[in-house]
N, C-alpha and C. Protein backbone atom coordinates (compact mmCIF):
# COMPACT_ATOMS: atom_id res chain seq x y z
N MET A 1 -7.97 -7.43 23.00
CA MET A 1 -9.06 -6.66 22.43
C MET A 1 -10.25 -7.60 22.27
N THR A 2 -11.40 -7.11 22.59
CA THR A 2 -12.59 -7.93 22.48
C THR A 2 -13.03 -8.03 21.04
N THR A 3 -13.87 -9.02 20.77
CA THR A 3 -14.35 -9.24 19.41
C THR A 3 -15.16 -8.06 18.93
N SER A 4 -16.01 -7.51 19.79
CA SER A 4 -16.84 -6.37 19.37
C SER A 4 -15.98 -5.14 19.08
N ALA A 5 -14.91 -4.95 19.83
CA ALA A 5 -14.01 -3.82 19.57
C ALA A 5 -13.29 -3.99 18.24
N SER A 6 -12.83 -5.22 17.97
CA SER A 6 -12.14 -5.45 16.70
C SER A 6 -13.13 -5.38 15.53
N ASP A 7 -14.38 -5.84 15.76
CA ASP A 7 -15.41 -5.71 14.72
C ASP A 7 -15.71 -4.25 14.43
N GLY A 8 -15.77 -3.43 15.47
CA GLY A 8 -16.02 -2.00 15.30
C GLY A 8 -14.89 -1.33 14.55
N LYS A 9 -13.66 -1.72 14.87
CA LYS A 9 -12.50 -1.16 14.18
C LYS A 9 -12.52 -1.55 12.70
N ALA A 10 -12.84 -2.81 12.42
CA ALA A 10 -12.91 -3.28 11.04
C ALA A 10 -14.04 -2.56 10.28
N ALA A 11 -15.17 -2.38 10.95
CA ALA A 11 -16.30 -1.69 10.31
C ALA A 11 -15.93 -0.24 9.98
N LYS A 12 -15.23 0.43 10.88
CA LYS A 12 -14.79 1.81 10.62
C LYS A 12 -13.83 1.86 9.44
N MET A 13 -12.93 0.88 9.40
CA MET A 13 -11.97 0.83 8.31
C MET A 13 -12.67 0.59 6.98
N LEU A 14 -13.64 -0.32 6.97
CA LEU A 14 -14.39 -0.59 5.74
C LEU A 14 -15.20 0.63 5.30
N ASP A 15 -15.78 1.35 6.26
CA ASP A 15 -16.52 2.58 5.93
C ASP A 15 -15.59 3.63 5.34
N ALA A 16 -14.42 3.79 5.94
CA ALA A 16 -13.46 4.77 5.43
C ALA A 16 -12.98 4.37 4.04
N LEU A 17 -12.77 3.08 3.83
CA LEU A 17 -12.34 2.59 2.53
C LEU A 17 -13.41 2.86 1.47
N GLN A 18 -14.67 2.60 1.82
CA GLN A 18 -15.77 2.90 0.88
C GLN A 18 -15.82 4.38 0.56
N SER A 19 -15.67 5.21 1.57
CA SER A 19 -15.71 6.66 1.38
C SER A 19 -14.58 7.11 0.44
N ASP A 20 -13.36 6.59 0.67
CA ASP A 20 -12.23 6.95 -0.18
C ASP A 20 -12.42 6.44 -1.61
N LEU A 21 -12.97 5.25 -1.75
CA LEU A 21 -13.24 4.73 -3.10
C LEU A 21 -14.29 5.57 -3.82
N LYS A 22 -15.29 6.05 -3.08
CA LYS A 22 -16.31 6.93 -3.68
C LYS A 22 -15.68 8.24 -4.14
N ALA A 23 -14.76 8.78 -3.34
CA ALA A 23 -14.07 10.02 -3.73
C ALA A 23 -13.25 9.79 -5.00
N LEU A 24 -12.56 8.66 -5.08
CA LEU A 24 -11.80 8.33 -6.28
C LEU A 24 -12.73 8.14 -7.47
N CYS A 25 -13.86 7.52 -7.23
CA CYS A 25 -14.87 7.30 -8.27
C CYS A 25 -15.35 8.64 -8.84
N MET A 26 -15.64 9.57 -7.95
CA MET A 26 -16.12 10.89 -8.38
C MET A 26 -15.04 11.65 -9.16
N GLU A 27 -13.80 11.51 -8.71
CA GLU A 27 -12.69 12.22 -9.34
C GLU A 27 -12.39 11.68 -10.74
N THR A 28 -12.66 10.41 -10.98
CA THR A 28 -12.32 9.79 -12.27
C THR A 28 -13.53 9.66 -13.20
N LYS A 29 -14.67 10.13 -12.76
CA LYS A 29 -15.92 9.90 -13.49
C LYS A 29 -15.86 10.35 -14.94
N LYS A 30 -15.40 11.55 -15.20
CA LYS A 30 -15.45 12.08 -16.57
C LYS A 30 -14.26 11.68 -17.43
N ARG A 31 -13.07 11.81 -16.89
CA ARG A 31 -11.87 11.58 -17.71
C ARG A 31 -11.45 10.12 -17.79
N TYR A 32 -11.78 9.34 -16.76
CA TYR A 32 -11.33 7.95 -16.71
C TYR A 32 -12.49 7.03 -16.32
N PRO A 33 -13.44 6.83 -17.24
CA PRO A 33 -14.61 6.02 -16.89
C PRO A 33 -14.27 4.57 -16.54
N HIS A 34 -13.20 4.02 -17.09
CA HIS A 34 -12.82 2.64 -16.75
C HIS A 34 -12.39 2.53 -15.28
N ILE A 35 -11.76 3.57 -14.77
CA ILE A 35 -11.37 3.57 -13.36
C ILE A 35 -12.60 3.74 -12.49
N LYS A 36 -13.52 4.59 -12.93
CA LYS A 36 -14.77 4.78 -12.18
C LYS A 36 -15.51 3.45 -12.06
N ASP A 37 -15.56 2.71 -13.16
CA ASP A 37 -16.23 1.40 -13.14
C ASP A 37 -15.53 0.43 -12.19
N SER A 38 -14.21 0.42 -12.21
CA SER A 38 -13.45 -0.44 -11.31
C SER A 38 -13.68 -0.06 -9.85
N CYS A 39 -13.75 1.24 -9.61
CA CYS A 39 -14.01 1.72 -8.24
C CYS A 39 -15.39 1.28 -7.77
N GLU A 40 -16.37 1.39 -8.66
CA GLU A 40 -17.73 0.97 -8.28
C GLU A 40 -17.78 -0.52 -7.96
N GLU A 41 -17.06 -1.33 -8.73
CA GLU A 41 -17.00 -2.76 -8.44
C GLU A 41 -16.33 -3.01 -7.08
N ALA A 42 -15.26 -2.26 -6.80
CA ALA A 42 -14.56 -2.41 -5.52
C ALA A 42 -15.46 -1.98 -4.36
N ILE A 43 -16.25 -0.92 -4.56
CA ILE A 43 -17.18 -0.47 -3.52
C ILE A 43 -18.19 -1.57 -3.21
N ILE A 44 -18.68 -2.22 -4.24
CA ILE A 44 -19.64 -3.32 -4.05
C ILE A 44 -18.99 -4.45 -3.26
N LYS A 45 -17.74 -4.78 -3.59
CA LYS A 45 -17.02 -5.84 -2.86
C LYS A 45 -16.81 -5.45 -1.40
N VAL A 46 -16.43 -4.21 -1.16
CA VAL A 46 -16.20 -3.74 0.22
C VAL A 46 -17.51 -3.75 0.99
N ARG A 47 -18.57 -3.29 0.34
CA ARG A 47 -19.89 -3.29 0.99
C ARG A 47 -20.31 -4.72 1.35
N GLY A 48 -20.05 -5.65 0.44
CA GLY A 48 -20.36 -7.05 0.70
C GLY A 48 -19.55 -7.60 1.88
N ALA A 49 -18.29 -7.21 1.95
CA ALA A 49 -17.45 -7.65 3.07
C ALA A 49 -17.92 -7.07 4.38
N SER A 50 -18.42 -5.84 4.35
CA SER A 50 -18.90 -5.22 5.59
C SER A 50 -20.22 -5.83 6.05
N MET A 51 -21.01 -6.36 5.13
CA MET A 51 -22.30 -6.97 5.49
C MET A 51 -22.14 -8.42 5.95
N ASN A 52 -21.03 -9.05 5.56
CA ASN A 52 -20.82 -10.45 5.89
C ASN A 52 -19.69 -10.57 6.91
N PRO A 53 -20.00 -10.84 8.18
CA PRO A 53 -18.97 -10.89 9.21
C PRO A 53 -17.95 -12.02 9.00
N GLN A 54 -18.30 -13.05 8.24
CA GLN A 54 -17.37 -14.15 8.01
C GLN A 54 -16.31 -13.80 6.97
N SER A 55 -16.59 -12.84 6.11
CA SER A 55 -15.61 -12.47 5.09
C SER A 55 -14.62 -11.48 5.67
N SER A 56 -13.48 -11.40 5.04
CA SER A 56 -12.48 -10.44 5.50
C SER A 56 -12.03 -9.60 4.31
N LEU A 57 -11.48 -8.46 4.63
CA LEU A 57 -11.02 -7.57 3.58
C LEU A 57 -9.85 -8.19 2.81
N SER A 58 -9.07 -9.03 3.46
CA SER A 58 -7.93 -9.64 2.78
C SER A 58 -8.38 -10.51 1.61
N GLN A 59 -9.61 -11.01 1.65
CA GLN A 59 -10.12 -11.83 0.55
C GLN A 59 -10.42 -11.00 -0.69
N ILE A 60 -10.65 -9.70 -0.52
CA ILE A 60 -11.01 -8.85 -1.66
C ILE A 60 -9.95 -7.79 -1.96
N THR A 61 -8.78 -7.91 -1.35
CA THR A 61 -7.74 -6.89 -1.51
C THR A 61 -7.37 -6.68 -2.97
N SER A 62 -7.25 -7.76 -3.74
CA SER A 62 -6.83 -7.60 -5.14
C SER A 62 -7.88 -6.83 -5.94
N GLN A 63 -9.18 -7.04 -5.63
CA GLN A 63 -10.21 -6.29 -6.35
C GLN A 63 -10.23 -4.82 -5.94
N VAL A 64 -9.86 -4.54 -4.70
CA VAL A 64 -9.79 -3.14 -4.24
C VAL A 64 -8.53 -2.49 -4.79
N LEU A 65 -7.46 -3.24 -4.90
CA LEU A 65 -6.19 -2.69 -5.35
C LEU A 65 -6.19 -2.37 -6.84
N TYR A 66 -6.97 -3.10 -7.62
CA TYR A 66 -6.99 -2.92 -9.08
C TYR A 66 -7.30 -1.47 -9.50
N PRO A 67 -8.39 -0.86 -9.01
CA PRO A 67 -8.63 0.53 -9.42
C PRO A 67 -7.58 1.50 -8.89
N LEU A 68 -6.93 1.14 -7.80
CA LEU A 68 -5.89 2.02 -7.26
C LEU A 68 -4.66 2.04 -8.16
N VAL A 69 -4.31 0.87 -8.68
CA VAL A 69 -3.19 0.79 -9.62
C VAL A 69 -3.55 1.54 -10.90
N GLN A 70 -4.78 1.34 -11.38
CA GLN A 70 -5.22 2.07 -12.58
C GLN A 70 -5.16 3.58 -12.34
N ALA A 71 -5.59 4.02 -11.18
CA ALA A 71 -5.59 5.45 -10.86
C ALA A 71 -4.17 6.00 -10.83
N ALA A 72 -3.26 5.24 -10.27
CA ALA A 72 -1.86 5.69 -10.22
C ALA A 72 -1.27 5.79 -11.62
N GLU A 73 -1.69 4.90 -12.52
CA GLU A 73 -1.18 4.91 -13.89
C GLU A 73 -1.60 6.16 -14.66
N THR A 74 -2.64 6.87 -14.21
CA THR A 74 -3.06 8.10 -14.89
C THR A 74 -2.01 9.19 -14.75
N LYS A 75 -1.23 9.13 -13.67
CA LYS A 75 -0.20 10.12 -13.35
C LYS A 75 -0.78 11.51 -13.12
N ASP A 76 -2.09 11.58 -12.91
CA ASP A 76 -2.76 12.83 -12.53
C ASP A 76 -2.52 13.02 -11.03
N PRO A 77 -1.86 14.12 -10.63
CA PRO A 77 -1.46 14.28 -9.23
C PRO A 77 -2.59 14.10 -8.20
N LYS A 78 -3.74 14.65 -8.47
CA LYS A 78 -4.85 14.54 -7.52
C LYS A 78 -5.34 13.09 -7.41
N ILE A 79 -5.44 12.42 -8.53
CA ILE A 79 -5.91 11.03 -8.55
C ILE A 79 -4.84 10.11 -7.95
N VAL A 80 -3.58 10.36 -8.25
CA VAL A 80 -2.49 9.57 -7.69
C VAL A 80 -2.47 9.70 -6.16
N LYS A 81 -2.67 10.92 -5.67
CA LYS A 81 -2.67 11.14 -4.23
C LYS A 81 -3.80 10.34 -3.56
N LEU A 82 -4.99 10.35 -4.16
CA LEU A 82 -6.10 9.55 -3.63
C LEU A 82 -5.76 8.06 -3.64
N SER A 83 -5.16 7.62 -4.73
CA SER A 83 -4.80 6.21 -4.87
C SER A 83 -3.79 5.79 -3.81
N LEU A 84 -2.77 6.61 -3.59
CA LEU A 84 -1.75 6.27 -2.60
C LEU A 84 -2.32 6.29 -1.18
N THR A 85 -3.24 7.20 -0.92
CA THR A 85 -3.90 7.24 0.39
C THR A 85 -4.66 5.94 0.63
N LEU A 86 -5.37 5.47 -0.38
CA LEU A 86 -6.10 4.21 -0.26
C LEU A 86 -5.14 3.02 -0.10
N MET A 87 -4.04 3.02 -0.84
CA MET A 87 -3.06 1.95 -0.69
C MET A 87 -2.53 1.92 0.74
N GLN A 88 -2.24 3.11 1.27
CA GLN A 88 -1.75 3.19 2.64
C GLN A 88 -2.78 2.66 3.63
N ARG A 89 -4.04 2.93 3.38
CA ARG A 89 -5.11 2.43 4.25
C ARG A 89 -5.14 0.90 4.23
N LEU A 90 -4.97 0.31 3.06
CA LEU A 90 -4.93 -1.16 2.96
C LEU A 90 -3.71 -1.74 3.68
N ILE A 91 -2.58 -1.06 3.56
CA ILE A 91 -1.36 -1.53 4.21
C ILE A 91 -1.51 -1.48 5.73
N VAL A 92 -2.02 -0.37 6.23
CA VAL A 92 -2.21 -0.21 7.67
C VAL A 92 -3.21 -1.24 8.20
N ALA A 93 -4.21 -1.58 7.40
CA ALA A 93 -5.20 -2.58 7.81
C ALA A 93 -4.62 -4.00 7.78
N ASP A 94 -3.39 -4.13 7.30
CA ASP A 94 -2.68 -5.41 7.26
C ASP A 94 -3.43 -6.44 6.40
N VAL A 95 -3.89 -6.00 5.24
CA VAL A 95 -4.59 -6.92 4.33
C VAL A 95 -3.83 -7.12 3.02
N VAL A 96 -2.63 -6.56 2.93
CA VAL A 96 -1.82 -6.70 1.72
C VAL A 96 -1.01 -7.99 1.83
N ASP A 97 -1.24 -8.90 0.88
CA ASP A 97 -0.47 -10.14 0.85
C ASP A 97 0.73 -9.97 -0.08
N THR A 98 1.49 -11.02 -0.28
CA THR A 98 2.71 -10.96 -1.09
C THR A 98 2.41 -10.52 -2.52
N ASN A 99 1.40 -11.10 -3.13
CA ASN A 99 1.04 -10.77 -4.51
C ASN A 99 0.61 -9.31 -4.63
N SER A 100 -0.26 -8.87 -3.74
CA SER A 100 -0.71 -7.48 -3.75
C SER A 100 0.45 -6.54 -3.47
N GLY A 101 1.33 -6.95 -2.57
CA GLY A 101 2.51 -6.14 -2.25
C GLY A 101 3.39 -5.92 -3.47
N GLU A 102 3.52 -6.96 -4.29
CA GLU A 102 4.31 -6.81 -5.51
C GLU A 102 3.69 -5.77 -6.44
N HIS A 103 2.35 -5.78 -6.54
CA HIS A 103 1.67 -4.78 -7.38
C HIS A 103 1.87 -3.38 -6.83
N VAL A 104 1.83 -3.26 -5.52
CA VAL A 104 2.03 -1.95 -4.89
C VAL A 104 3.45 -1.45 -5.19
N VAL A 105 4.45 -2.31 -5.04
CA VAL A 105 5.84 -1.90 -5.29
C VAL A 105 6.02 -1.53 -6.76
N GLU A 106 5.43 -2.29 -7.67
CA GLU A 106 5.51 -1.96 -9.11
C GLU A 106 4.89 -0.59 -9.38
N THR A 107 3.77 -0.33 -8.75
CA THR A 107 3.09 0.96 -8.94
C THR A 107 3.94 2.10 -8.38
N LEU A 108 4.51 1.89 -7.20
CA LEU A 108 5.37 2.91 -6.60
C LEU A 108 6.61 3.16 -7.45
N TRP A 109 7.14 2.10 -8.04
CA TRP A 109 8.30 2.23 -8.93
C TRP A 109 7.94 3.11 -10.14
N MET A 110 6.79 2.84 -10.73
CA MET A 110 6.34 3.60 -11.89
C MET A 110 6.18 5.09 -11.51
N LEU A 111 5.62 5.36 -10.34
CA LEU A 111 5.44 6.74 -9.89
C LEU A 111 6.79 7.40 -9.61
N MET A 112 7.72 6.65 -9.05
CA MET A 112 9.05 7.19 -8.78
C MET A 112 9.73 7.57 -10.09
N GLU A 113 9.63 6.69 -11.09
CA GLU A 113 10.25 7.00 -12.38
C GLU A 113 9.63 8.21 -13.05
N ALA A 114 8.33 8.42 -12.81
CA ALA A 114 7.64 9.57 -13.39
C ALA A 114 7.83 10.84 -12.56
N GLY A 115 8.38 10.70 -11.36
CA GLY A 115 8.61 11.86 -10.50
C GLY A 115 7.33 12.43 -9.92
N ILE A 116 6.36 11.58 -9.63
CA ILE A 116 5.06 12.02 -9.14
C ILE A 116 4.89 11.62 -7.67
N GLU A 117 4.47 12.56 -6.85
CA GLU A 117 4.16 12.32 -5.43
C GLU A 117 5.27 11.53 -4.74
N GLU A 118 6.49 12.01 -4.89
CA GLU A 118 7.65 11.28 -4.37
C GLU A 118 7.61 11.09 -2.86
N LEU A 119 7.18 12.12 -2.12
CA LEU A 119 7.10 11.98 -0.66
C LEU A 119 6.05 10.95 -0.26
N LYS A 120 4.92 10.96 -0.93
CA LYS A 120 3.86 9.99 -0.65
C LYS A 120 4.32 8.58 -1.02
N VAL A 121 5.11 8.46 -2.07
CA VAL A 121 5.68 7.17 -2.47
C VAL A 121 6.59 6.65 -1.35
N LEU A 122 7.44 7.53 -0.80
CA LEU A 122 8.32 7.12 0.30
C LEU A 122 7.52 6.72 1.53
N GLN A 123 6.46 7.46 1.83
CA GLN A 123 5.60 7.10 2.97
C GLN A 123 4.99 5.71 2.77
N THR A 124 4.54 5.46 1.56
CA THR A 124 3.89 4.19 1.27
C THR A 124 4.87 3.03 1.37
N VAL A 125 6.08 3.21 0.83
CA VAL A 125 7.10 2.16 0.93
C VAL A 125 7.43 1.89 2.39
N THR A 126 7.57 2.94 3.16
CA THR A 126 7.89 2.78 4.59
C THR A 126 6.81 1.99 5.30
N LEU A 127 5.56 2.34 5.07
CA LEU A 127 4.46 1.58 5.68
C LEU A 127 4.48 0.13 5.24
N LEU A 128 4.68 -0.09 3.97
CA LEU A 128 4.65 -1.44 3.42
C LEU A 128 5.72 -2.33 4.05
N LEU A 129 6.91 -1.79 4.24
CA LEU A 129 8.01 -2.61 4.74
C LEU A 129 8.09 -2.68 6.26
N THR A 130 7.49 -1.72 6.96
CA THR A 130 7.58 -1.72 8.42
C THR A 130 6.39 -2.36 9.11
N THR A 131 5.26 -2.48 8.43
CA THR A 131 4.07 -3.02 9.09
C THR A 131 3.93 -4.53 8.95
N SER A 132 4.62 -5.13 7.99
CA SER A 132 4.55 -6.58 7.83
C SER A 132 5.79 -7.07 7.09
N ALA A 133 5.91 -8.37 7.00
CA ALA A 133 7.06 -8.97 6.32
C ALA A 133 6.65 -9.65 5.02
N VAL A 134 5.56 -9.21 4.40
CA VAL A 134 5.10 -9.87 3.17
C VAL A 134 5.98 -9.54 1.97
N ILE A 135 6.69 -8.42 2.03
CA ILE A 135 7.57 -8.04 0.93
C ILE A 135 8.93 -8.66 1.19
N GLN A 136 9.35 -9.56 0.28
CA GLN A 136 10.61 -10.27 0.44
C GLN A 136 11.29 -10.43 -0.90
N GLY A 137 12.51 -10.87 -0.87
CA GLY A 137 13.24 -11.21 -2.08
C GLY A 137 13.43 -10.03 -3.03
N ALA A 138 13.21 -10.29 -4.31
CA ALA A 138 13.42 -9.28 -5.35
C ALA A 138 12.51 -8.07 -5.16
N THR A 139 11.31 -8.28 -4.66
CA THR A 139 10.40 -7.16 -4.44
C THR A 139 10.92 -6.27 -3.33
N LEU A 140 11.46 -6.85 -2.29
CA LEU A 140 12.06 -6.08 -1.20
C LEU A 140 13.25 -5.28 -1.72
N ALA A 141 14.07 -5.93 -2.52
CA ALA A 141 15.23 -5.24 -3.10
C ALA A 141 14.79 -4.06 -3.97
N LYS A 142 13.75 -4.28 -4.75
CA LYS A 142 13.24 -3.21 -5.62
C LYS A 142 12.72 -2.03 -4.80
N ALA A 143 12.05 -2.33 -3.68
CA ALA A 143 11.54 -1.27 -2.81
C ALA A 143 12.68 -0.46 -2.22
N LEU A 144 13.76 -1.14 -1.84
CA LEU A 144 14.92 -0.42 -1.29
C LEU A 144 15.63 0.41 -2.37
N VAL A 145 15.75 -0.15 -3.56
CA VAL A 145 16.37 0.58 -4.67
C VAL A 145 15.56 1.83 -5.00
N LEU A 146 14.25 1.70 -4.94
CA LEU A 146 13.36 2.84 -5.16
C LEU A 146 13.73 3.98 -4.20
N CYS A 147 13.94 3.66 -2.94
CA CYS A 147 14.30 4.67 -1.95
C CYS A 147 15.67 5.27 -2.25
N PHE A 148 16.63 4.42 -2.64
CA PHE A 148 17.95 4.92 -2.99
C PHE A 148 17.88 5.86 -4.19
N ARG A 149 17.08 5.51 -5.17
CA ARG A 149 16.96 6.37 -6.36
C ARG A 149 16.32 7.71 -6.01
N LEU A 150 15.35 7.69 -5.11
CA LEU A 150 14.75 8.96 -4.70
C LEU A 150 15.73 9.81 -3.88
N HIS A 151 16.73 9.16 -3.32
CA HIS A 151 17.75 9.88 -2.56
C HIS A 151 18.56 10.79 -3.49
N PHE A 152 18.57 10.50 -4.77
CA PHE A 152 19.36 11.27 -5.72
C PHE A 152 18.53 12.18 -6.62
N THR A 153 17.34 12.58 -6.15
CA THR A 153 16.54 13.53 -6.93
C THR A 153 17.04 14.95 -6.66
N LYS A 154 16.44 15.91 -7.31
CA LYS A 154 16.87 17.30 -7.17
C LYS A 154 16.19 18.02 -6.02
N ASP A 155 15.05 17.54 -5.57
CA ASP A 155 14.30 18.17 -4.50
C ASP A 155 14.93 17.83 -3.14
N ALA A 156 15.37 18.85 -2.41
CA ALA A 156 16.05 18.64 -1.13
C ALA A 156 15.16 17.94 -0.11
N THR A 157 13.88 18.25 -0.11
CA THR A 157 12.96 17.61 0.83
C THR A 157 12.87 16.12 0.56
N VAL A 158 12.77 15.76 -0.71
CA VAL A 158 12.70 14.35 -1.09
C VAL A 158 14.02 13.65 -0.75
N VAL A 159 15.15 14.31 -1.00
CA VAL A 159 16.46 13.73 -0.70
C VAL A 159 16.58 13.44 0.79
N ASN A 160 16.22 14.40 1.63
CA ASN A 160 16.32 14.21 3.08
C ASN A 160 15.37 13.13 3.57
N THR A 161 14.15 13.12 3.05
CA THR A 161 13.18 12.09 3.44
C THR A 161 13.65 10.71 2.98
N ALA A 162 14.15 10.63 1.76
CA ALA A 162 14.65 9.35 1.24
C ALA A 162 15.83 8.86 2.06
N SER A 163 16.69 9.76 2.47
CA SER A 163 17.84 9.39 3.30
C SER A 163 17.39 8.77 4.61
N ALA A 164 16.44 9.41 5.27
CA ALA A 164 15.90 8.88 6.53
C ALA A 164 15.18 7.55 6.29
N THR A 165 14.48 7.47 5.19
CA THR A 165 13.74 6.24 4.85
C THR A 165 14.70 5.08 4.62
N VAL A 166 15.77 5.33 3.90
CA VAL A 166 16.76 4.28 3.63
C VAL A 166 17.34 3.77 4.95
N ARG A 167 17.73 4.68 5.83
CA ARG A 167 18.29 4.26 7.12
C ARG A 167 17.29 3.40 7.90
N GLN A 168 16.03 3.86 7.93
CA GLN A 168 15.01 3.13 8.66
C GLN A 168 14.76 1.75 8.06
N LEU A 169 14.64 1.69 6.74
CA LEU A 169 14.30 0.42 6.09
C LEU A 169 15.45 -0.58 6.12
N VAL A 170 16.67 -0.10 6.00
CA VAL A 170 17.82 -1.00 6.11
C VAL A 170 17.84 -1.61 7.51
N SER A 171 17.57 -0.79 8.51
CA SER A 171 17.50 -1.30 9.88
C SER A 171 16.40 -2.35 10.03
N VAL A 172 15.23 -2.09 9.43
CA VAL A 172 14.12 -3.05 9.48
C VAL A 172 14.50 -4.37 8.82
N VAL A 173 15.17 -4.28 7.69
CA VAL A 173 15.57 -5.50 6.97
C VAL A 173 16.56 -6.31 7.81
N PHE A 174 17.53 -5.64 8.43
CA PHE A 174 18.48 -6.35 9.26
C PHE A 174 17.82 -6.96 10.49
N GLU A 175 16.85 -6.28 11.06
CA GLU A 175 16.10 -6.85 12.18
C GLU A 175 15.35 -8.11 11.74
N ARG A 176 14.80 -8.10 10.54
CA ARG A 176 14.14 -9.30 10.01
C ARG A 176 15.12 -10.46 9.88
N VAL A 177 16.31 -10.15 9.37
CA VAL A 177 17.33 -11.20 9.19
C VAL A 177 17.70 -11.80 10.54
N VAL A 178 17.91 -10.95 11.53
CA VAL A 178 18.27 -11.44 12.86
C VAL A 178 17.14 -12.32 13.42
N ALA A 179 15.90 -11.87 13.25
CA ALA A 179 14.75 -12.65 13.75
C ALA A 179 14.64 -13.99 13.02
N GLU A 180 14.84 -13.99 11.71
CA GLU A 180 14.77 -15.24 10.95
C GLU A 180 15.90 -16.19 11.32
N ASP A 181 17.11 -15.63 11.54
CA ASP A 181 18.24 -16.46 11.96
C ASP A 181 17.97 -17.08 13.32
N ALA A 182 17.46 -16.29 14.24
CA ALA A 182 17.15 -16.81 15.58
C ALA A 182 16.10 -17.92 15.49
N LYS A 183 15.12 -17.73 14.67
CA LYS A 183 14.07 -18.74 14.49
C LYS A 183 14.66 -20.02 13.88
N TYR A 184 15.52 -19.84 12.89
CA TYR A 184 16.16 -20.98 12.22
C TYR A 184 17.00 -21.79 13.19
N TYR A 185 17.84 -21.09 13.96
CA TYR A 185 18.71 -21.80 14.91
C TYR A 185 17.93 -22.43 16.04
N LYS A 186 16.82 -21.83 16.41
CA LYS A 186 15.96 -22.40 17.47
C LYS A 186 15.31 -23.69 16.97
N GLU A 187 14.89 -23.70 15.69
CA GLU A 187 14.26 -24.89 15.10
C GLU A 187 15.28 -26.01 14.90
N GLU A 188 16.54 -25.66 14.69
CA GLU A 188 17.56 -26.65 14.43
C GLU A 188 17.91 -27.45 15.67
N ARG A 189 17.71 -26.89 16.84
CA ARG A 189 18.06 -27.58 18.09
C ARG A 189 17.13 -28.66 18.41
């Protein structure tokens, strides 16, 4: 891919991120002014990243993630849905690092326990674990347990989706182990 094509893709992603943050800002304006303020700060950071070609979105991920976590904590279905959509956008853009990933998993765990947007939670976990290997150790275990727990809810759609998600993610984890073992044994020679 050429540099201009990747720059165009990044610019589109930053524009979409700004648009989604503005929507979240508008939705939280009256009832959650602290989230609106956080969203406005994140919009400024994203705008700054889009104006400066040397900066990357990964440098500001934590500032963008902060209002999303706050929005999820409201447990308001419409606001949570916007928050999870934005989290998914960050995950797909491959800008979530280990620390941010831990915050995302904690947020998803909280939503799972509250029984809010369970299908969207499963989608987000799947994206998080299949698009990169930043989630490891205890955080990876917690993400898998989250899927297992959703497998035992009362909603048949959630149960079936969680079942498929567990199969997919267990396969992904084993593929990672095989790849790491191969790398380890190759380095040992």
